[in-house]
């Protein structure tokens, strides 16, 4: 996928695989809320996947992103000067991996963190 110079490819095996498991029979519970209490999270060891994006100099001030595989996983990215911090009341972005190359900024985001937040959203 490419949009405004963004190339995204995390690959099919990036990051650890986490599954919610239960040995209980789901049909023995009258509600999902009751069954949900039997679920445990089982994560295979692994490193998080990383999405690396180079911001082009002509990028608009506001970009929206959408996860390719998760219908409601997406938000917005505020493109600012390198000395400006952006804090949203619902989202705080801490970028400790900013590099300046040819007057562009390279930003690394943890795909695992985004997916983990989405899974927590689904459960709660």
PDB file of N, CA and C in Angstrom:
ATOM      1  N   UNK A   1       0.843  -1.153   0.000  1.00  0.00           N
ATOM      2  CA  UNK A   1       0.000   0.000   0.000  1.00  0.00           C
ATOM      3  C   UNK A   1       0.899   1.229   0.000  1.00  0.00           C
ATOM      4  N   UNK A   2       0.561   2.230  -0.751  1.00  0.00           N
ATOM      5  CA  UNK A   2       1.354   3.461  -0.770  1.00  0.00           C
ATOM      6  C   UNK A   2       0.407   4.649  -0.798  1.00  0.00           C
ATOM      7  N   UNK A   3       0.707   5.648   0.035  1.00  0.00           N
ATOM      8  CA  UNK A   3      -0.095   6.853   0.108  1.00  0.00           C
ATOM      9  C   UNK A   3       0.787   7.934   0.684  1.00  0.00           C
ATOM     10  N   UNK A   4       0.923   9.042   0.011  1.00  0.00           N
ATOM     11  CA  UNK A   4       1.806  10.121   0.445  1.00  0.00           C
ATOM     12  C   UNK A   4       3.210   9.612   0.737  1.00  0.00           C
ATOM     13  N   UNK A   5       3.712   8.717  -0.092  1.00  0.00           N
ATOM     14  CA  UNK A   5       5.072   8.220   0.092  1.00  0.00           C
ATOM     15  C   UNK A   5       5.204   7.207   1.215  1.00  0.00           C
ATOM     16  N   UNK A   6       4.101   6.700   1.736  1.00  0.00           N
ATOM     17  CA  UNK A   6       4.144   5.739   2.834  1.00  0.00           C
ATOM     18  C   UNK A   6       4.087   4.336   2.246  1.00  0.00           C
ATOM     19  N   UNK A   7       5.069   3.522   2.548  1.00  0.00           N
ATOM     20  CA  UNK A   7       5.054   2.122   2.143  1.00  0.00           C
ATOM     21  C   UNK A   7       4.936   1.291   3.408  1.00  0.00           C
ATOM     22  N   UNK A   8       3.890   0.490   3.514  1.00  0.00           N
ATOM     23  CA  UNK A   8       3.654  -0.293   4.723  1.00  0.00           C
ATOM     24  C   UNK A   8       3.683  -1.775   4.376  1.00  0.00           C
ATOM     25  N   UNK A   9       4.575  -2.501   5.016  1.00  0.00           N
ATOM     26  CA  UNK A   9       4.579  -3.948   4.920  1.00  0.00           C
ATOM     27  C   UNK A   9       5.164  -4.508   6.200  1.00  0.00           C
ATOM     28  N   UNK A  10       4.346  -5.085   7.025  1.00  0.00           N
ATOM     29  CA  UNK A  10       4.819  -5.660   8.280  1.00  0.00           C
ATOM     30  C   UNK A  10       5.093  -7.145   8.113  1.00  0.00           C
ATOM     31  N   UNK A  11       4.571  -7.764   7.061  1.00  0.00           N
ATOM     32  CA  UNK A  11       4.781  -9.196   6.868  1.00  0.00           C
ATOM     33  C   UNK A  11       3.795 -10.010   7.687  1.00  0.00           C
ATOM     34  N   UNK A  12       3.591 -11.255   7.304  1.00  0.00           N
ATOM     35  CA  UNK A  12       2.588 -12.081   7.985  1.00  0.00           C
ATOM     36  C   UNK A  12       3.022 -12.572   9.357  1.00  0.00           C
ATOM     37  N   UNK A  13       4.317 -12.519   9.690  1.00  0.00           N
ATOM     38  CA  UNK A  13       4.791 -13.087  10.945  1.00  0.00           C
ATOM     39  C   UNK A  13       5.462 -12.073  11.851  1.00  0.00           C
ATOM     40  N   UNK A  14       5.113 -10.804  11.744  1.00  0.00           N
ATOM     41  CA  UNK A  14       5.719  -9.779  12.594  1.00  0.00           C
ATOM     42  C   UNK A  14       5.049  -9.774  13.956  1.00  0.00           C
ATOM     43  N   UNK A  15       5.851  -9.723  14.986  1.00  0.00           N
ATOM     44  CA  UNK A  15       5.348  -9.641  16.351  1.00  0.00           C
ATOM     45  C   UNK A  15       4.908 -10.988  16.888  1.00  0.00           C
ATOM     46  N   UNK A  16       4.755 -11.078  18.209  1.00  0.00           N
ATOM     47  CA  UNK A  16       4.344 -12.341  18.809  1.00  0.00           C
ATOM     48  C   UNK A  16       2.863 -12.609  18.562  1.00  0.00           C
ATOM     49  N   UNK A  17       2.524 -13.879  18.480  1.00  0.00           N
ATOM     50  CA  UNK A  17       1.129 -14.284  18.322  1.00  0.00           C
ATOM     51  C   UNK A  17       0.524 -14.438  19.711  1.00  0.00           C
ATOM     52  N   UNK A  18      -0.559 -13.730  19.969  1.00  0.00           N
ATOM     53  CA  UNK A  18      -1.276 -13.839  21.244  1.00  0.00           C
ATOM     54  C   UNK A  18      -2.684 -14.352  20.962  1.00  0.00           C
ATOM     55  N   UNK A  19      -3.100 -15.331  21.766  1.00  0.00           N
ATOM     56  CA  UNK A  19      -4.436 -15.893  21.621  1.00  0.00           C
ATOM     57  C   UNK A  19      -5.090 -15.951  22.995  1.00  0.00           C
ATOM     58  N   UNK A  20      -6.397 -15.795  23.034  1.00  0.00           N
ATOM     59  CA  UNK A  20      -7.144 -15.993  24.274  1.00  0.00           C
ATOM     60  C   UNK A  20      -7.661 -17.419  24.259  1.00  0.00           C
ATOM     61  N   UNK A  21      -7.302 -18.185  25.303  1.00  0.00           N
ATOM     62  CA  UNK A  21      -7.602 -19.612  25.355  1.00  0.00           C
ATOM     63  C   UNK A  21      -8.505 -19.912  26.552  1.00  0.00           C
ATOM     64  N   UNK A  22      -9.285 -20.997  26.427  1.00  0.00           N
ATOM     65  CA  UNK A  22     -10.109 -21.476  27.526  1.00  0.00           C
ATOM     66  C   UNK A  22     -10.308 -22.968  27.358  1.00  0.00           C
ATOM     67  N   UNK A  23     -10.293 -23.693  28.470  1.00  0.00           N
ATOM     68  CA  UNK A  23     -10.579 -25.124  28.414  1.00  0.00           C
ATOM     69  C   UNK A  23     -12.044 -25.383  28.744  1.00  0.00           C
ATOM     70  N   UNK A  24     -12.771 -24.333  29.082  1.00  0.00           N
ATOM     71  CA  UNK A  24     -14.185 -24.462  29.434  1.00  0.00           C
ATOM     72  C   UNK A  24     -15.039 -24.603  28.180  1.00  0.00           C
ATOM     73  N   UNK A  25     -16.158 -25.290  28.327  1.00  0.00           N
ATOM     74  CA  UNK A  25     -17.112 -25.437  27.233  1.00  0.00           C
ATOM     75  C   UNK A  25     -17.918 -24.145  27.124  1.00  0.00           C
ATOM     76  N   UNK A  26     -17.813 -23.419  26.018  1.00  0.00           N
ATOM     77  CA  UNK A  26     -18.529 -22.141  25.908  1.00  0.00           C
ATOM     78  C   UNK A  26     -20.047 -22.302  25.977  1.00  0.00           C
ATOM     79  N   UNK A  27     -20.553 -23.475  25.632  1.00  0.00           N
ATOM     80  CA  UNK A  27     -21.999 -23.696  25.655  1.00  0.00           C
ATOM     81  C   UNK A  27     -22.547 -23.858  27.071  1.00  0.00           C
ATOM     82  N   UNK A  28     -21.668 -24.005  28.057  1.00  0.00           N
ATOM     83  CA  UNK A  28     -22.139 -24.179  29.435  1.00  0.00           C
ATOM     84  C   UNK A  28     -22.346 -22.840  30.153  1.00  0.00           C
ATOM     85  N   UNK A  29     -22.166 -21.738  29.465  1.00  0.00           N
ATOM     86  CA  UNK A  29     -22.342 -20.408  30.055  1.00  0.00           C
ATOM     87  C   UNK A  29     -23.518 -19.712  29.388  1.00  0.00           C
ATOM     88  N   UNK A  30     -24.301 -19.012  30.184  1.00  0.00           N
ATOM     89  CA  UNK A  30     -25.491 -18.354  29.632  1.00  0.00           C
ATOM     90  C   UNK A  30     -25.167 -17.028  28.944  1.00  0.00           C
ATOM     91  N   UNK A  31     -24.032 -16.395  29.334  1.00  0.00           N
ATOM     92  CA  UNK A  31     -23.652 -15.134  28.698  1.00  0.00           C
ATOM     93  C   UNK A  31     -22.170 -15.163  28.339  1.00  0.00           C
ATOM     94  N   UNK A  32     -21.808 -14.324  27.406  1.00  0.00           N
ATOM     95  CA  UNK A  32     -20.395 -14.226  27.056  1.00  0.00           C
ATOM     96  C   UNK A  32     -19.599 -13.634  28.210  1.00  0.00           C
ATOM     97  N   UNK A  33     -20.194 -12.722  28.962  1.00  0.00           N
ATOM     98  CA  UNK A  33     -19.506 -12.119  30.114  1.00  0.00           C
ATOM     99  C   UNK A  33     -19.059 -13.199  31.093  1.00  0.00           C
ATOM    100  N   UNK A  34     -19.901 -14.206  31.332  1.00  0.00           N
ATOM    101  CA  UNK A  34     -19.517 -15.310  32.224  1.00  0.00           C
ATOM    102  C   UNK A  34     -18.389 -16.133  31.611  1.00  0.00           C
ATOM    103  N   UNK A  35     -18.514 -16.434  30.322  1.00  0.00           N
ATOM    104  CA  UNK A  35     -17.482 -17.233  29.644  1.00  0.00           C
ATOM    105  C   UNK A  35     -16.158 -16.479  29.578  1.00  0.00           C
ATOM    106  N   UNK A  36     -16.230 -15.163  29.408  1.00  0.00           N
ATOM    107  CA  UNK A  36     -15.019 -14.348  29.289  1.00  0.00           C
ATOM    108  C   UNK A  36     -14.127 -14.475  30.518  1.00  0.00           C
ATOM    109  N   UNK A  37     -14.708 -14.739  31.680  1.00  0.00           N
ATOM    110  CA  UNK A  37     -13.903 -14.875  32.901  1.00  0.00           C
ATOM    111  C   UNK A  37     -13.014 -16.107  32.868  1.00  0.00           C
ATOM    112  N   UNK A  38     -13.277 -17.056  31.973  1.00  0.00           N
ATOM    113  CA  UNK A  38     -12.449 -18.271  31.880  1.00  0.00           C
ATOM    114  C   UNK A  38     -11.293 -18.113  30.898  1.00  0.00           C
ATOM    115  N   UNK A  39     -11.264 -17.025  30.150  1.00  0.00           N
ATOM    116  CA  UNK A  39     -10.236 -16.837  29.128  1.00  0.00           C
ATOM    117  C   UNK A  39      -8.908 -16.414  29.744  1.00  0.00           C
ATOM    118  N   UNK A  40      -7.829 -16.981  29.210  1.00  0.00           N
ATOM    119  CA  UNK A  40      -6.480 -16.561  29.595  1.00  0.00           C
ATOM    120  C   UNK A  40      -5.717 -16.213  28.325  1.00  0.00           C
ATOM    121  N   UNK A  41      -4.824 -15.236  28.447  1.00  0.00           N
ATOM    122  CA  UNK A  41      -4.038 -14.801  27.287  1.00  0.00           C
ATOM    123  C   UNK A  41      -2.783 -15.651  27.198  1.00  0.00           C
ATOM    124  N   UNK A  42      -2.532 -16.216  26.025  1.00  0.00           N
ATOM    125  CA  UNK A  42      -1.357 -17.043  25.775  1.00  0.00           C
ATOM    126  C   UNK A  42      -0.582 -16.405  24.621  1.00  0.00           C
ATOM    127  N   UNK A  43       0.623 -15.904  24.917  1.00  0.00           N
ATOM    128  CA  UNK A  43       1.436 -15.230  23.904  1.00  0.00           C
ATOM    129  C   UNK A  43       2.709 -16.017  23.635  1.00  0.00           C
ATOM    130  N   UNK A  44       2.974 -16.266  22.360  1.00  0.00           N
ATOM    131  CA  UNK A  44       4.237 -16.886  21.964  1.00  0.00           C
ATOM    132  C   UNK A  44       5.339 -15.849  22.129  1.00  0.00           C
ATOM    133  N   UNK A  45       6.548 -16.288  22.500  1.00  0.00           N
ATOM    134  CA  UNK A  45       7.637 -15.310  22.613  1.00  0.00           C
ATOM    135  C   UNK A  45       7.955 -14.694  21.252  1.00  0.00           C
ATOM    136  N   UNK A  46       8.363 -13.456  21.263  1.00  0.00           N
ATOM    137  CA  UNK A  46       8.720 -12.789  20.018  1.00  0.00           C
ATOM    138  C   UNK A  46       8.879 -11.301  20.230  1.00  0.00           C
ATOM    139  N   UNK A  47       9.472 -10.658  19.277  1.00  0.00           N
ATOM    140  CA  UNK A  47       9.662  -9.215  19.320  1.00  0.00           C
ATOM    141  C   UNK A  47       8.523  -8.537  18.579  1.00  0.00           C
ATOM    142  N   UNK A  48       8.155  -7.321  18.988  1.00  0.00           N
ATOM    143  CA  UNK A  48       7.088  -6.615  18.283  1.00  0.00           C
ATOM    144  C   UNK A  48       7.516  -6.235  16.871  1.00  0.00           C
ATOM    145  N   UNK A  49       6.552  -6.188  15.973  1.00  0.00           N
ATOM    146  CA  UNK A  49       6.823  -5.709  14.624  1.00  0.00           C
ATOM    147  C   UNK A  49       6.974  -4.201  14.642  1.00  0.00           C
ATOM    148  N   UNK A  50       7.675  -3.668  13.701  1.00  0.00           N
ATOM    149  CA  UNK A  50       7.920  -2.227  13.658  1.00  0.00           C
ATOM    150  C   UNK A  50       7.505  -1.685  12.299  1.00  0.00           C
ATOM    151  N   UNK A  51       6.763  -0.616  12.326  1.00  0.00           N
ATOM    152  CA  UNK A  51       6.376   0.107  11.121  1.00  0.00           C
ATOM    153  C   UNK A  51       7.269   1.331  11.041  1.00  0.00           C
ATOM    154  N   UNK A  52       7.983   1.491   9.946  1.00  0.00           N
ATOM    155  CA  UNK A  52       8.861   2.646   9.782  1.00  0.00           C
ATOM    156  C   UNK A  52       8.337   3.492   8.637  1.00  0.00           C
ATOM    157  N   UNK A  53       8.210   4.770   8.884  1.00  0.00           N
ATOM    158  CA  UNK A  53       7.603   5.680   7.923  1.00  0.00           C
ATOM    159  C   UNK A  53       8.453   6.931   7.807  1.00  0.00           C
ATOM    160  N   UNK A  54       8.817   7.298   6.596  1.00  0.00           N
ATOM    161  CA  UNK A  54       9.551   8.534   6.344  1.00  0.00           C
ATOM    162  C   UNK A  54       8.558   9.593   5.884  1.00  0.00           C
ATOM    163  N   UNK A  55       8.458  10.650   6.659  1.00  0.00           N
ATOM    164  CA  UNK A  55       7.506  11.720   6.356  1.00  0.00           C
ATOM    165  C   UNK A  55       8.057  12.570   5.215  1.00  0.00           C
ATOM    166  N   UNK A  56       7.342  12.647   4.080  1.00  0.00           N
ATOM    167  CA  UNK A  56       7.822  13.495   2.991  1.00  0.00           C
ATOM    168  C   UNK A  56       7.655  14.974   3.345  1.00  0.00           C
ATOM    169  N   UNK A  57       8.476  15.809   2.756  1.00  0.00           N
ATOM    170  CA  UNK A  57       8.431  17.239   3.052  1.00  0.00           C
ATOM    171  C   UNK A  57       7.110  17.883   2.645  1.00  0.00           C
ATOM    172  N   UNK A  58       6.420  17.312   1.651  1.00  0.00           N
ATOM    173  CA  UNK A  58       5.161  17.894   1.198  1.00  0.00           C
ATOM    174  C   UNK A  58       3.938  17.201   1.807  1.00  0.00           C
ATOM    175  N   UNK A  59       4.124  16.468   2.900  1.00  0.00           N
ATOM    176  CA  UNK A  59       2.997  15.789   3.551  1.00  0.00           C
ATOM    177  C   UNK A  59       2.035  16.819   4.131  1.00  0.00           C
ATOM    178  N   UNK A  60       0.728  16.526   4.090  1.00  0.00           N
ATOM    179  CA  UNK A  60      -0.224  17.452   4.706  1.00  0.00           C
ATOM    180  C   UNK A  60      -0.046  17.447   6.229  1.00  0.00           C
ATOM    181  N   UNK A  61      -0.626  18.428   6.898  1.00  0.00           N
ATOM    182  CA  UNK A  61      -0.492  18.547   8.351  1.00  0.00           C
ATOM    183  C   UNK A  61      -1.218  17.442   9.112  1.00  0.00           C
ATOM    184  N   UNK A  62      -2.218  16.847   8.503  1.00  0.00           N
ATOM    185  CA  UNK A  62      -2.998  15.816   9.173  1.00  0.00           C
ATOM    186  C   UNK A  62      -3.174  14.626   8.240  1.00  0.00           C
ATOM    187  N   UNK A  63      -2.780  13.449   8.710  1.00  0.00           N
ATOM    188  CA  UNK A  63      -2.941  12.208   7.953  1.00  0.00           C
ATOM    189  C   UNK A  63      -3.756  11.232   8.789  1.00  0.00           C
ATOM    190  N   UNK A  64      -4.608  10.470   8.140  1.00  0.00           N
ATOM    191  CA  UNK A  64      -5.378   9.430   8.819  1.00  0.00           C
ATOM    192  C   UNK A  64      -4.812   8.079   8.417  1.00  0.00           C
ATOM    193  N   UNK A  65      -4.801   7.145   9.351  1.00  0.00           N
ATOM    194  CA  UNK A  65      -4.357   5.794   9.027  1.00  0.00           C
ATOM    195  C   UNK A  65      -5.428   4.794   9.432  1.00  0.00           C
ATOM    196  N   UNK A  66      -5.435   3.677   8.735  1.00  0.00           N
ATOM    197  CA  UNK A  66      -6.401   2.612   8.977  1.00  0.00           C
ATOM    198  C   UNK A  66      -5.676   1.282   8.886  1.00  0.00           C
ATOM    199  N   UNK A  67      -5.880   0.418   9.870  1.00  0.00           N
ATOM    200  CA  UNK A  67      -5.277  -0.908   9.836  1.00  0.00           C
ATOM    201  C   UNK A  67      -5.895  -1.704   8.690  1.00  0.00           C
ATOM    202  N   UNK A  68      -5.067  -2.435   7.975  1.00  0.00           N
ATOM    203  CA  UNK A  68      -5.529  -3.212   6.831  1.00  0.00           C
ATOM    204  C   UNK A  68      -6.390  -4.392   7.269  1.00  0.00           C
ATOM    205  N   UNK A  69      -6.078  -4.974   8.434  1.00  0.00           N
ATOM    206  CA  UNK A  69      -6.777  -6.189   8.856  1.00  0.00           C
ATOM    207  C   UNK A  69      -7.812  -5.978   9.956  1.00  0.00           C
ATOM    208  N   UNK A  70      -7.848  -4.803  10.582  1.00  0.00           N
ATOM    209  CA  UNK A  70      -8.798  -4.557  11.665  1.00  0.00           C
ATOM    210  C   UNK A  70      -9.700  -3.382  11.298  1.00  0.00           C
ATOM    211  N   UNK A  71     -10.973  -3.638  11.212  1.00  0.00           N
ATOM    212  CA  UNK A  71     -11.942  -2.701  10.680  1.00  0.00           C
ATOM    213  C   UNK A  71     -11.951  -1.342  11.388  1.00  0.00           C
ATOM    214  N   UNK A  72     -11.883  -1.314  12.700  1.00  0.00           N
ATOM    215  CA  UNK A  72     -12.003  -0.050  13.430  1.00  0.00           C
ATOM    216  C   UNK A  72     -10.693   0.391  14.070  1.00  0.00           C
ATOM    217  N   UNK A  73      -9.578  -0.099  13.588  1.00  0.00           N
ATOM    218  CA  UNK A  73      -8.282   0.275  14.152  1.00  0.00           C
ATOM    219  C   UNK A  73      -7.647   1.322  13.250  1.00  0.00           C
ATOM    220  N   UNK A  74      -7.612   2.537  13.706  1.00  0.00           N
ATOM    221  CA  UNK A  74      -7.032   3.633  12.948  1.00  0.00           C
ATOM    222  C   UNK A  74      -7.173   4.918  13.735  1.00  0.00           C
ATOM    223  N   UNK A  75      -6.493   5.943  13.319  1.00  0.00           N
ATOM    224  CA  UNK A  75      -6.608   7.235  13.975  1.00  0.00           C
ATOM    225  C   UNK A  75      -5.992   8.274  13.068  1.00  0.00           C
ATOM    226  N   UNK A  76      -5.310   9.243  13.648  1.00  0.00           N
ATOM    227  CA  UNK A  76      -4.737  10.312  12.844  1.00  0.00           C
ATOM    228  C   UNK A  76      -3.320  10.610  13.314  1.00  0.00           C
ATOM    229  N   UNK A  77      -2.542  11.153  12.395  1.00  0.00           N
ATOM    230  CA  UNK A  77      -1.164  11.543  12.670  1.00  0.00           C
ATOM    231  C   UNK A  77      -1.051  13.028  12.352  1.00  0.00           C
ATOM    232  N   UNK A  78      -0.611  13.796  13.330  1.00  0.00           N
ATOM    233  CA  UNK A  78      -0.360  15.222  13.129  1.00  0.00           C
ATOM    234  C   UNK A  78       1.088  15.379  12.671  1.00  0.00           C
ATOM    235  N   UNK A  79       1.296  15.925  11.486  1.00  0.00           N
ATOM    236  CA  UNK A  79       2.640  16.170  10.962  1.00  0.00           C
ATOM    237  C   UNK A  79       3.014  17.591  11.361  1.00  0.00           C
ATOM    238  N   UNK A  80       4.094  17.710  12.144  1.00  0.00           N
ATOM    239  CA  UNK A  80       4.514  19.013  12.658  1.00  0.00           C
ATOM    240  C   UNK A  80       6.003  19.190  12.429  1.00  0.00           C
ATOM    241  N   UNK A  81       6.499  20.368  12.761  1.00  0.00           N
ATOM    242  CA  UNK A  81       7.939  20.598  12.734  1.00  0.00           C
ATOM    243  C   UNK A  81       8.587  19.706  13.781  1.00  0.00           C
ATOM    244  N   UNK A  82       9.866  19.404  13.613  1.00  0.00           N
ATOM    245  CA  UNK A  82      10.547  18.473  14.503  1.00  0.00           C
ATOM    246  C   UNK A  82      10.609  18.952  15.946  1.00  0.00           C
ATOM    247  N   UNK A  83      10.447  20.247  16.206  1.00  0.00           N
ATOM    248  CA  UNK A  83      10.544  20.771  17.566  1.00  0.00           C
ATOM    249  C   UNK A  83       9.187  20.883  18.243  1.00  0.00           C
ATOM    250  N   UNK A  84       8.114  20.453  17.580  1.00  0.00           N
ATOM    251  CA  UNK A  84       6.773  20.603  18.113  1.00  0.00           C
ATOM    252  C   UNK A  84       6.257  19.271  18.632  1.00  0.00           C
ATOM    253  N   UNK A  85       5.727  19.265  19.833  1.00  0.00           N
ATOM    254  CA  UNK A  85       5.118  18.060  20.399  1.00  0.00           C
ATOM    255  C   UNK A  85       3.610  18.183  20.293  1.00  0.00           C
ATOM    256  N   UNK A  86       2.929  17.074  19.996  1.00  0.00           N
ATOM    257  CA  UNK A  86       1.482  17.064  19.871  1.00  0.00           C
ATOM    258  C   UNK A  86       0.921  16.138  20.936  1.00  0.00           C
ATOM    259  N   UNK A  87      -0.009  16.642  21.718  1.00  0.00           N
ATOM    260  CA  UNK A  87      -0.674  15.819  22.721  1.00  0.00           C
ATOM    261  C   UNK A  87      -2.168  15.946  22.510  1.00  0.00           C
ATOM    262  N   UNK A  88      -2.817  14.826  22.332  1.00  0.00           N
ATOM    263  CA  UNK A  88      -4.253  14.755  22.150  1.00  0.00           C
ATOM    264  C   UNK A  88      -4.844  14.274  23.471  1.00  0.00           C
ATOM    265  N   UNK A  89      -6.044  14.696  23.813  1.00  0.00           N
ATOM    266  CA  UNK A  89      -6.624  14.301  25.093  1.00  0.00           C
ATOM    267  C   UNK A  89      -6.834  12.799  25.190  1.00  0.00           C
ATOM    268  N   UNK A  90      -6.955  12.109  24.058  1.00  0.00           N
ATOM    269  CA  UNK A  90      -7.157  10.664  24.087  1.00  0.00           C
ATOM    270  C   UNK A  90      -5.892   9.894  23.753  1.00  0.00           C
ATOM    271  N   UNK A  91      -4.907  10.533  23.156  1.00  0.00           N
ATOM    272  CA  UNK A  91      -3.715   9.829  22.701  1.00  0.00           C
ATOM    273  C   UNK A  91      -2.479  10.652  22.998  1.00  0.00           C
ATOM    274  N   UNK A  92      -1.485  10.027  23.588  1.00  0.00           N
ATOM    275  CA  UNK A  92      -0.199  10.673  23.792  1.00  0.00           C
ATOM    276  C   UNK A  92       0.844   9.868  23.046  1.00  0.00           C
ATOM    277  N   UNK A  93       1.598  10.496  22.177  1.00  0.00           N
ATOM    278  CA  UNK A  93       2.610   9.817  21.383  1.00  0.00           C
ATOM    279  C   UNK A  93       3.976  10.206  21.914  1.00  0.00           C
ATOM    280  N   UNK A  94       4.758   9.209  22.301  1.00  0.00           N
ATOM    281  CA  UNK A  94       6.130   9.444  22.714  1.00  0.00           C
ATOM    282  C   UNK A  94       7.016   8.816  21.669  1.00  0.00           C
ATOM    283  N   UNK A  95       7.801   9.609  20.989  1.00  0.00           N
ATOM    284  CA  UNK A  95       8.645   9.115  19.904  1.00  0.00           C
ATOM    285  C   UNK A  95      10.092   9.219  20.327  1.00  0.00           C
ATOM    286  N   UNK A  96      10.691   8.068  20.672  1.00  0.00           N
ATOM    287  CA  UNK A  96      12.095   8.069  21.074  1.00  0.00           C
ATOM    288  C   UNK A  96      12.988   7.611  19.933  1.00  0.00           C
ATOM    289  N   UNK A  97      12.419   7.411  18.752  1.00  0.00           N
ATOM    290  CA  UNK A  97      13.206   6.883  17.643  1.00  0.00           C
ATOM    291  C   UNK A  97      13.135   7.786  16.426  1.00  0.00           C
ATOM    292  N   UNK A  98      13.213   9.089  16.606  1.00  0.00           N
ATOM    293  CA  UNK A  98      13.153  10.023  15.489  1.00  0.00           C
ATOM    294  C   UNK A  98      14.554  10.281  14.954  1.00  0.00           C
ATOM    295  N   UNK A  99      14.737  10.097  13.665  1.00  0.00           N
ATOM    296  CA  UNK A  99      16.002  10.369  12.992  1.00  0.00           C
ATOM    297  C   UNK A  99      15.733  11.369  11.880  1.00  0.00           C
ATOM    298  N   UNK A 100      16.625  12.307  11.670  1.00  0.00           N
ATOM    299  CA  UNK A 100      16.466  13.262  10.582  1.00  0.00           C
ATOM    300  C   UNK A 100      17.400  12.858   9.455  1.00  0.00           C
ATOM    301  N   UNK A 101      16.807  12.606   8.278  1.00  0.00           N
ATOM    302  CA  UNK A 101      17.571  12.190   7.113  1.00  0.00           C
ATOM    303  C   UNK A 101      17.064  12.969   5.912  1.00  0.00           C
ATOM    304  N   UNK A 102      17.922  13.698   5.252  1.00  0.00           N
ATOM    305  CA  UNK A 102      17.545  14.473   4.072  1.00  0.00           C
ATOM    306  C   UNK A 102      16.302  15.327   4.336  1.00  0.00           C
ATOM    307  N   UNK A 103      16.284  16.008   5.452  1.00  0.00           N
ATOM    308  CA  UNK A 103      15.185  16.894   5.851  1.00  0.00           C
ATOM    309  C   UNK A 103      13.852  16.173   5.973  1.00  0.00           C
ATOM    310  N   UNK A 104      13.876  14.877   6.212  1.00  0.00           N
ATOM    311  CA  UNK A 104      12.652  14.116   6.456  1.00  0.00           C
ATOM    312  C   UNK A 104      12.791  13.441   7.813  1.00  0.00           C
ATOM    313  N   UNK A 105      11.685  13.058   8.398  1.00  0.00           N
ATOM    314  CA  UNK A 105      11.703  12.435   9.713  1.00  0.00           C
ATOM    315  C   UNK A 105      11.316  10.973   9.586  1.00  0.00           C
ATOM    316  N   UNK A 106      12.085  10.096  10.210  1.00  0.00           N
ATOM    317  CA  UNK A 106      11.767   8.676  10.229  1.00  0.00           C
ATOM    318  C   UNK A 106      11.168   8.352  11.588  1.00  0.00           C
ATOM    319  N   UNK A 107       9.972   7.794  11.582  1.00  0.00           N
ATOM    320  CA  UNK A 107       9.266   7.498  12.820  1.00  0.00           C
ATOM    321  C   UNK A 107       9.037   6.001  12.909  1.00  0.00           C
ATOM    322  N   UNK A 108       9.363   5.402  14.045  1.00  0.00           N
ATOM    323  CA  UNK A 108       9.106   3.986  14.275  1.00  0.00           C
ATOM    324  C   UNK A 108       7.962   3.846  15.267  1.00  0.00           C
ATOM    325  N   UNK A 109       6.991   3.043  14.915  1.00  0.00           N
ATOM    326  CA  UNK A 109       5.856   2.784  15.786  1.00  0.00           C
ATOM    327  C   UNK A 109       5.770   1.293  16.049  1.00  0.00           C
ATOM    328  N   UNK A 110       5.365   0.910  17.209  1.00  0.00           N
ATOM    329  CA  UNK A 110       5.238  -0.498  17.548  1.00  0.00           C
ATOM    330  C   UNK A 110       3.879  -1.010  17.101  1.00  0.00           C
ATOM    331  N   UNK A 111       3.872  -1.894  16.102  1.00  0.00           N
ATOM    332  CA  UNK A 111       2.634  -2.488  15.612  1.00  0.00           C
ATOM    333  C   UNK A 111       2.006  -3.322  16.721  1.00  0.00           C
ATOM    334  N   UNK A 112       2.843  -4.017  17.496  1.00  0.00           N
ATOM    335  CA  UNK A 112       2.341  -4.842  18.588  1.00  0.00           C
ATOM    336  C   UNK A 112       1.559  -3.992  19.581  1.00  0.00           C
ATOM    337  N   UNK A 113       2.039  -2.804  19.907  1.00  0.00           N
ATOM    338  CA  UNK A 113       1.346  -1.937  20.862  1.00  0.00           C
ATOM    339  C   UNK A 113      -0.021  -1.535  20.334  1.00  0.00           C
ATOM    340  N   UNK A 114      -0.101  -1.232  19.055  1.00  0.00           N
ATOM    341  CA  UNK A 114      -1.372  -0.838  18.457  1.00  0.00           C
ATOM    342  C   UNK A 114      -2.352  -2.001  18.486  1.00  0.00           C
ATOM    343  N   UNK A 115      -1.888  -3.206  18.127  1.00  0.00           N
ATOM    344  CA  UNK A 115      -2.755  -4.384  18.130  1.00  0.00           C
ATOM    345  C   UNK A 115      -3.177  -4.718  19.555  1.00  0.00           C
ATOM    346  N   UNK A 116      -2.261  -4.608  20.519  1.00  0.00           N
ATOM    347  CA  UNK A 116      -2.589  -4.890  21.909  1.00  0.00           C
ATOM    348  C   UNK A 116      -3.675  -3.944  22.409  1.00  0.00           C
ATOM    349  N   UNK A 117      -3.582  -2.665  22.087  1.00  0.00           N
ATOM    350  CA  UNK A 117      -4.620  -1.714  22.477  1.00  0.00           C
ATOM    351  C   UNK A 117      -5.960  -2.078  21.856  1.00  0.00           C
ATOM    352  N   UNK A 118      -5.938  -2.537  20.610  1.00  0.00           N
ATOM    353  CA  UNK A 118      -7.167  -2.938  19.938  1.00  0.00           C
ATOM    354  C   UNK A 118      -7.777  -4.150  20.629  1.00  0.00           C
ATOM    355  N   UNK A 119      -6.943  -5.145  21.008  1.00  0.00           N
ATOM    356  CA  UNK A 119      -7.446  -6.328  21.699  1.00  0.00           C
ATOM    357  C   UNK A 119      -8.055  -5.958  23.047  1.00  0.00           C
ATOM    358  N   UNK A 120      -7.423  -5.059  23.771  1.00  0.00           N
ATOM    359  CA  UNK A 120      -7.988  -4.602  25.038  1.00  0.00           C
ATOM    360  C   UNK A 120      -9.330  -3.916  24.809  1.00  0.00           C
ATOM    361  N   UNK A 121      -9.429  -3.146  23.730  1.00  0.00           N
ATOM    362  CA  UNK A 121     -10.683  -2.491  23.384  1.00  0.00           C
ATOM    363  C   UNK A 121     -11.781  -3.530  23.141  1.00  0.00           C
ATOM    364  N   UNK A 122     -11.450  -4.621  22.440  1.00  0.00           N
ATOM    365  CA  UNK A 122     -12.433  -5.655  22.143  1.00  0.00           C
ATOM    366  C   UNK A 122     -12.898  -6.367  23.406  1.00  0.00           C
ATOM    367  N   UNK A 123     -11.989  -6.612  24.326  1.00  0.00           N
ATOM    368  CA  UNK A 123     -12.319  -7.367  25.531  1.00  0.00           C
ATOM    369  C   UNK A 123     -13.151  -6.530  26.491  1.00  0.00           C
ATOM    370  N   UNK A 124     -12.783  -5.282  26.635  1.00  0.00           N
ATOM    371  CA  UNK A 124     -13.485  -4.428  27.599  1.00  0.00           C
ATOM    372  C   UNK A 124     -14.713  -3.860  26.958  1.00  0.00           C
TER     373      UNK A 124
END
